[in-house]
C-alpha atoms as a PDB file:
ATOM      1  CA  MET A   1     -29.079  -1.463  40.197  1.00  0.00           C
ATOM      2  CA  GLU A   2     -28.787   2.356  40.276  1.00  0.00           C
ATOM      3  CA  VAL A   3     -30.347   4.152  37.252  1.00  0.00           C
ATOM      4  CA  GLY A   4     -31.586   7.634  36.925  1.00  0.00           C
ATOM      5  CA  THR A   5     -33.965   9.544  34.687  1.00  0.00           C
ATOM      6  CA  VAL A   6     -33.455  13.012  36.182  1.00  0.00           C
ATOM      7  CA  GLY A   7     -30.227  15.021  36.508  1.00  0.00           C
ATOM      8  CA  GLY A   8     -26.691  14.058  35.524  1.00  0.00           C
ATOM      9  CA  GLY A   9     -26.293  13.579  31.768  1.00  0.00           C
ATOM     10  CA  THR A  10     -29.955  12.947  31.152  1.00  0.00           C
ATOM     11  CA  HIS A  11     -30.291  16.384  29.502  1.00  0.00           C
ATOM     12  CA  LEU A  12     -27.762  15.540  26.766  1.00  0.00           C
ATOM     13  CA  PRO A  13     -29.291  14.833  23.331  1.00  0.00           C
ATOM     14  CA  ALA A  14     -28.310  11.168  23.019  1.00  0.00           C
ATOM     15  CA  GLN A  15     -29.222  10.224  26.571  1.00  0.00           C
ATOM     16  CA  SER A  16     -32.448  12.256  26.468  1.00  0.00           C
ATOM     17  CA  GLY A  17     -33.485  10.649  23.187  1.00  0.00           C
ATOM     18  CA  CYS A  18     -32.899   7.143  24.516  1.00  0.00           C
ATOM     19  CA  LEU A  19     -34.946   7.884  27.629  1.00  0.00           C
ATOM     20  CA  ASP A  20     -37.738   9.300  25.373  1.00  0.00           C
ATOM     21  CA  ILE A  21     -37.750   6.124  23.377  1.00  0.00           C
ATOM     22  CA  CYS A  22     -38.229   4.121  26.506  1.00  0.00           C
ATOM     23  CA  GLY A  23     -40.794   6.572  27.789  1.00  0.00           C
ATOM     24  CA  VAL A  24     -38.952   7.245  31.048  1.00  0.00           C
ATOM     25  CA  ARG A  25     -37.365  10.720  30.687  1.00  0.00           C
ATOM     26  CA  GLY A  26     -37.758  12.980  33.713  1.00  0.00           C
ATOM     27  CA  ALA A  27     -39.690  12.624  36.889  1.00  0.00           C
ATOM     28  CA  SER A  28     -42.860  10.486  36.910  1.00  0.00           C
ATOM     29  CA  LYS A  29     -45.916  12.603  36.203  1.00  0.00           C
ATOM     30  CA  GLY A  30     -49.592  12.017  36.035  1.00  0.00           C
ATOM     31  CA  PRO A  31     -52.294  10.833  38.447  1.00  0.00           C
ATOM     32  CA  GLY A  32     -51.083   8.111  40.799  1.00  0.00           C
ATOM     33  CA  ALA A  33     -47.400   8.555  39.851  1.00  0.00           C
ATOM     34  CA  GLN A  34     -44.947   7.832  42.640  1.00  0.00           C
ATOM     35  CA  PRO A  35     -41.422   9.198  42.880  1.00  0.00           C
ATOM     36  CA  GLY A  36     -39.027   6.863  41.214  1.00  0.00           C
ATOM     37  CA  ASP A  37     -41.583   5.149  38.931  1.00  0.00           C
ATOM     38  CA  ASN A  38     -39.545   6.049  35.789  1.00  0.00           C
ATOM     39  CA  ALA A  39     -36.309   4.945  37.384  1.00  0.00           C
ATOM     40  CA  ARG A  40     -37.871   1.589  38.319  1.00  0.00           C
ATOM     41  CA  LYS A  41     -39.190   1.130  34.750  1.00  0.00           C
ATOM     42  CA  LEU A  42     -35.749   1.990  33.350  1.00  0.00           C
ATOM     43  CA  ALA A  43     -34.132  -0.551  35.708  1.00  0.00           C
ATOM     44  CA  GLN A  44     -36.569  -3.162  34.458  1.00  0.00           C
ATOM     45  CA  ILE A  45     -35.762  -2.344  30.796  1.00  0.00           C
ATOM     46  CA  VAL A  46     -31.992  -2.525  31.436  1.00  0.00           C
ATOM     47  CA  GLY A  47     -32.355  -5.762  33.424  1.00  0.00           C
ATOM     48  CA  ALA A  48     -34.446  -7.395  30.648  1.00  0.00           C
ATOM     49  CA  ALA A  49     -31.896  -6.371  28.022  1.00  0.00           C
ATOM     50  CA  VAL A  50     -29.062  -7.748  30.034  1.00  0.00           C
ATOM     51  CA  LEU A  51     -30.923 -10.993  30.661  1.00  0.00           C
ATOM     52  CA  ALA A  52     -31.668 -11.391  26.924  1.00  0.00           C
ATOM     53  CA  GLY A  53     -27.980 -10.888  26.140  1.00  0.00           C
ATOM     54  CA  GLU A  54     -26.907 -13.487  28.748  1.00  0.00           C
ATOM     55  CA  LEU A  55     -29.415 -16.011  27.372  1.00  0.00           C
ATOM     56  CA  SER A  56     -28.144 -15.412  23.828  1.00  0.00           C
ATOM     57  CA  LEU A  57     -24.555 -15.887  25.031  1.00  0.00           C
ATOM     58  CA  LEU A  58     -25.452 -19.129  26.833  1.00  0.00           C
ATOM     59  CA  ALA A  59     -27.258 -20.441  23.708  1.00  0.00           C
ATOM     60  CA  ALA A  60     -24.154 -19.647  21.562  1.00  0.00           C
ATOM     61  CA  LEU A  61     -21.914 -21.369  24.039  1.00  0.00           C
ATOM     62  CA  ALA A  62     -24.162 -24.467  24.305  1.00  0.00           C
ATOM     63  CA  ALA A  63     -24.339 -24.822  20.500  1.00  0.00           C
ATOM     64  CA  ASN A  64     -20.578 -24.113  20.170  1.00  0.00           C
ATOM     65  CA  HIS A  65     -21.396 -21.249  17.776  1.00  0.00           C
ATOM     66  CA  LEU A  66     -19.269 -18.866  19.810  1.00  0.00           C
ATOM     67  CA  VAL A  67     -16.090 -20.869  19.580  1.00  0.00           C
ATOM     68  CA  LYS A  68     -16.706 -21.722  15.930  1.00  0.00           C
ATOM     69  CA  SER A  69     -17.206 -18.094  14.898  1.00  0.00           C
ATOM     70  CA  HIS A  70     -14.251 -16.924  16.918  1.00  0.00           C
ATOM     71  CA  MET A  71     -12.044 -19.494  15.198  1.00  0.00           C
ATOM     72  CA  GLN A  72     -13.527 -18.621  11.762  1.00  0.00           C
ATOM     73  CA  HIS A  73     -13.086 -14.869  12.151  1.00  0.00           C
ATOM     74  CA  ASN A  74      -9.861 -14.844  14.161  1.00  0.00           C
ATOM     75  CA  ARG A  75      -7.821 -11.905  12.969  1.00  0.00           C
ATOM     76  CA  LYS A  76      -4.930 -12.333  15.289  1.00  0.00           C
ATOM     77  CA  PRO A  77      -1.919 -13.470  13.212  1.00  0.00           C
ATOM     78  CA  GLN A  78      -0.381 -16.692  14.255  1.00  0.00           C
ATOM     79  CA  GLU A  79       3.318 -16.886  14.994  1.00  0.00           C
ATOM     80  CA  SER A  80       5.376 -18.108  12.138  1.00  0.00           C
ATOM     81  CA  THR A  81       6.531 -21.758  12.217  1.00  0.00           C
ATOM     82  CA  ALA A  82       8.522 -21.365   9.061  1.00  0.00           C
ATOM     83  CA  ALA A  83      12.095 -22.515   8.969  1.00  0.00           C
ATOM     84  CA  PRO A  84      14.737 -19.771   9.347  1.00  0.00           C
ATOM     85  CA  THR A  85      16.051 -18.229   6.135  1.00  0.00           C
ATOM     86  CA  GLU A  86      19.722 -17.905   5.236  1.00  0.00           C
ATOM     87  CA  GLY A  87      19.984 -14.709   7.405  1.00  0.00           C
ATOM     88  CA  GLY A  88      18.740 -16.659  10.488  1.00  0.00           C
ATOM     89  CA  ALA A  89      15.315 -14.956  10.635  1.00  0.00           C
ATOM     90  CA  ALA A  90      12.106 -16.895  10.115  1.00  0.00           C
ATOM     91  CA  ALA A  91      10.388 -16.270   6.802  1.00  0.00           C
ATOM     92  CA  PRO A  92       7.506 -13.792   7.170  1.00  0.00           C
ATOM     93  CA  THR A  93       3.941 -15.094   6.880  1.00  0.00           C
ATOM     94  CA  SER A  94       1.374 -13.459   4.668  1.00  0.00           C
ATOM     95  CA  PRO A  95      -0.875 -11.042   6.665  1.00  0.00           C
ATOM     96  CA  ASN A  96      -3.931 -12.669   4.911  1.00  0.00           C
ATOM     97  CA  SER A  97      -2.987 -16.288   5.824  1.00  0.00           C
ATOM     98  CA  PHE A  98      -5.039 -17.941   8.462  1.00  0.00           C
ATOM     99  CA  ASN A  99      -3.632 -21.129  10.147  1.00  0.00           C
ATOM    100  CA  PRO A 100      -5.303 -21.589  13.563  1.00  0.00           C
ATOM    101  CA  ALA A 101      -3.698 -23.752  16.144  1.00  0.00           C
ATOM    102  CA  PRO A 102      -5.411 -27.143  16.494  1.00  0.00           C
ATOM    103  CA  MET A 103      -7.932 -27.388  19.351  1.00  0.00           C
ATOM    104  CA  ARG A 104      -7.882 -30.285  21.779  1.00  0.00           C
ATOM    105  CA  LYS A 105     -11.062 -32.237  21.170  1.00  0.00           C
ATOM    106  CA  THR A 106     -13.077 -33.611  24.098  1.00  0.00           C
ATOM    107  CA  ALA A 107     -16.007 -36.038  24.062  1.00  0.00           C
ATOM    108  CA  SER A 108     -18.473 -33.209  24.820  1.00  0.00           C
ATOM    109  CA  MET A 109     -17.399 -31.108  21.726  1.00  0.00           C
ATOM    110  CA  PRO A 110     -19.424 -31.488  18.540  1.00  0.00           C
ATOM    111  CA  ASP A 111     -17.559 -32.157  15.290  1.00  0.00           C
ATOM    112  CA  LEU A 112     -17.355 -28.739  13.569  1.00  0.00           C
ATOM    113  CA  ASN A 113     -16.063 -30.221  10.285  1.00  0.00           C
ATOM    114  CA  LYS A 114     -19.351 -32.025   9.432  1.00  0.00           C
ATOM    115  CA  ASN A 115     -20.724 -29.127   7.360  1.00  0.00           C
END
């Protein structure tokens, strides 16, 4: 993974502040410092954060929380299944109505309606 702590946009306030928080802004200084020490430390921080996010995602998938919350908070309006009105157009649905399409249940899926 290529990361940098010197040059580019590292002098900008937001980027500089984030690098300061992580303690990796600028070139490595001090006794025994090697070129690229700060960049290696930043790469470790970024890698650890990505790994933590992936583990969280896998846990949500395994517990079916991801699907459940997406279905609960779905804001995409469903297409109307209402019968056409006299003019031939389907009756409009309320923008606040939520009627998700039924999911096909498999043996490996937990029952979400227990709670």
